[in-house]
């Protein structure tokens, strides 16, 4: 019988290394390049930012956030465009992200993103929406 326990930090690291080694055997070396951008107002105060990574030819956007007072003024579009341009320079051909139904699906649609999957009930009566787009078609 297999003994299942909480993993230690070292065991967690070994599990991740094991999967990465398995993946490298199929696709070769996997390099991940972070993209971290900040948007600031005229006083140098942070009003938003984007956290993303480029790997396996894809831009993976994890977080795009703007302060409520900064929304609707083009800052989000500027962040997204700057991130995508940097990703293209790093060799990315496509982008993927996820958002919730109360967040920014309409914003991403305006920038060429399309749904490829939806998880209903994530959380409760809401939906988690997965979107992607080719970066070279814009």
Protein backbone atom coordinates (compact mmCIF):
# COMPACT_ATOMS: atom_id res chain seq x y z
CA UNK A 1 0.00 0.00 0.00
CA UNK A 2 1.24 3.50 -0.84
CA UNK A 3 1.77 5.86 2.09
CA UNK A 4 0.45 9.35 1.19
CA UNK A 5 1.72 12.19 3.39
CA UNK A 6 2.06 15.97 3.23
CA UNK A 7 5.10 16.77 1.10
CA UNK A 8 8.03 18.64 2.55
CA UNK A 9 9.54 21.57 0.66
CA UNK A 10 12.39 19.31 -0.51
CA UNK A 11 9.93 16.64 -1.69
CA UNK A 12 7.85 19.27 -3.48
CA UNK A 13 10.97 20.49 -5.27
CA UNK A 14 11.86 16.91 -6.29
CA UNK A 15 8.34 16.31 -7.64
CA UNK A 16 8.59 19.45 -9.79
CA UNK A 17 12.09 18.51 -10.96
CA UNK A 18 10.82 15.06 -11.92
CA UNK A 19 8.05 16.47 -14.11
CA UNK A 20 10.41 18.99 -15.67
CA UNK A 21 12.87 16.21 -16.56
CA UNK A 22 10.02 14.19 -18.10
CA UNK A 23 8.92 17.22 -20.16
CA UNK A 24 12.46 18.02 -21.34
CA UNK A 25 12.75 14.48 -22.70
CA UNK A 26 9.83 15.27 -25.02
CA UNK A 27 10.30 18.96 -25.97
CA UNK A 28 13.94 19.66 -25.11
CA UNK A 29 15.17 22.46 -22.89
CA UNK A 30 12.43 24.65 -21.46
CA UNK A 31 13.40 28.21 -20.75
CA UNK A 32 11.06 30.59 -18.99
CA UNK A 33 11.58 34.33 -19.26
CA UNK A 34 9.64 36.57 -16.89
CA UNK A 35 7.99 39.80 -18.02
CA UNK A 36 7.14 42.15 -15.16
CA UNK A 37 5.87 45.62 -16.13
CA UNK A 38 4.63 48.50 -13.97
CA UNK A 39 2.44 51.42 -15.00
CA UNK A 40 2.96 54.64 -13.06
CA UNK A 41 1.18 57.98 -12.99
CA UNK A 42 2.80 61.40 -13.50
CA UNK A 43 3.90 61.40 -9.84
CA UNK A 44 5.60 58.02 -10.18
CA UNK A 45 2.91 56.18 -8.21
CA UNK A 46 2.06 52.63 -9.21
CA UNK A 47 -1.33 52.47 -10.95
CA UNK A 48 -1.07 48.98 -12.40
CA UNK A 49 1.08 46.26 -13.82
CA UNK A 50 1.38 42.97 -15.60
CA UNK A 51 3.02 39.71 -14.53
CA UNK A 52 3.71 37.20 -17.28
CA UNK A 53 6.18 34.62 -18.54
CA UNK A 54 7.29 33.46 -21.96
CA UNK A 55 7.91 29.75 -22.35
CA UNK A 56 7.53 27.15 -25.07
CA UNK A 57 6.73 29.89 -27.58
CA UNK A 58 3.80 31.21 -25.56
CA UNK A 59 3.18 34.33 -23.53
CA UNK A 60 1.39 33.30 -20.34
CA UNK A 61 -0.26 36.27 -18.66
CA UNK A 62 -0.80 35.62 -14.96
CA UNK A 63 -1.89 39.04 -13.70
CA UNK A 64 -2.92 42.33 -15.32
CA UNK A 65 -4.14 44.80 -12.72
CA UNK A 66 -5.08 48.49 -12.74
CA UNK A 67 -6.13 50.69 -9.88
CA UNK A 68 -9.85 51.48 -10.13
CA UNK A 69 -9.13 55.18 -10.77
CA UNK A 70 -6.83 54.32 -13.69
CA UNK A 71 -9.26 52.11 -15.62
CA UNK A 72 -10.78 53.16 -18.91
CA UNK A 73 -7.92 55.49 -19.84
CA UNK A 74 -5.83 53.21 -22.04
CA UNK A 75 -3.34 52.09 -19.39
CA UNK A 76 -4.43 48.45 -19.57
CA UNK A 77 -4.15 48.44 -23.36
CA UNK A 78 -0.68 49.98 -23.09
CA UNK A 79 0.45 47.36 -20.58
CA UNK A 80 -0.95 44.51 -22.66
CA UNK A 81 0.62 45.82 -25.86
CA UNK A 82 4.02 46.37 -24.22
CA UNK A 83 3.93 42.87 -22.74
CA UNK A 84 2.95 41.28 -26.06
CA UNK A 85 5.67 43.18 -27.93
CA UNK A 86 8.29 42.05 -25.44
CA UNK A 87 7.01 38.46 -25.74
CA UNK A 88 7.22 38.58 -29.54
CA UNK A 89 10.82 39.81 -29.23
CA UNK A 90 11.46 36.77 -27.01
CA UNK A 91 10.05 34.44 -29.68
CA UNK A 92 6.43 34.01 -28.53
CA UNK A 93 3.89 33.28 -31.26
CA UNK A 94 0.76 33.14 -29.09
CA UNK A 95 -0.63 34.28 -25.76
CA UNK A 96 -2.89 32.69 -23.18
CA UNK A 97 -4.54 33.91 -20.00
CA UNK A 98 -7.49 33.32 -17.77
CA UNK A 99 -9.98 35.74 -16.27
CA UNK A 100 -13.20 35.51 -14.31
CA UNK A 101 -16.64 36.55 -15.52
CA UNK A 102 -16.55 39.60 -13.20
CA UNK A 103 -13.14 40.73 -14.45
CA UNK A 104 -11.96 41.57 -17.94
CA UNK A 105 -13.24 39.23 -20.65
CA UNK A 106 -14.61 42.13 -22.73
CA UNK A 107 -11.28 43.97 -22.45
CA UNK A 108 -9.35 40.96 -23.74
CA UNK A 109 -11.87 40.35 -26.55
CA UNK A 110 -11.27 43.94 -27.72
CA UNK A 111 -7.60 43.01 -28.02
CA UNK A 112 -8.15 39.90 -30.12
CA UNK A 113 -8.39 37.22 -27.45
CA UNK A 114 -10.91 34.41 -27.86
CA UNK A 115 -12.33 31.93 -25.38
CA UNK A 116 -11.07 28.39 -25.65
CA UNK A 117 -12.50 27.02 -22.41
CA UNK A 118 -14.81 27.93 -19.54
CA UNK A 119 -15.10 26.41 -16.10
CA UNK A 120 -18.58 26.91 -14.67
CA UNK A 121 -19.03 27.06 -10.91
CA UNK A 122 -15.58 28.58 -10.40
CA UNK A 123 -16.37 29.91 -7.83
CA UNK A 124 -20.03 29.43 -6.99
CA UNK A 125 -22.25 30.77 -9.78
CA UNK A 126 -19.28 32.40 -11.55
CA UNK A 127 -17.08 31.23 -14.42
CA UNK A 128 -13.35 31.09 -15.04
CA UNK A 129 -12.67 31.93 -18.67
CA UNK A 130 -9.57 30.80 -20.56
CA UNK A 131 -8.54 32.89 -23.58
CA UNK A 132 -5.80 32.93 -26.21
CA UNK A 133 -4.68 34.66 -29.38
CA UNK A 134 -1.95 34.51 -31.98
CA UNK A 135 0.49 37.34 -31.39
CA UNK A 136 1.58 37.64 -34.99
CA UNK A 137 -1.88 38.54 -36.33
CA UNK A 138 -2.22 41.96 -34.68
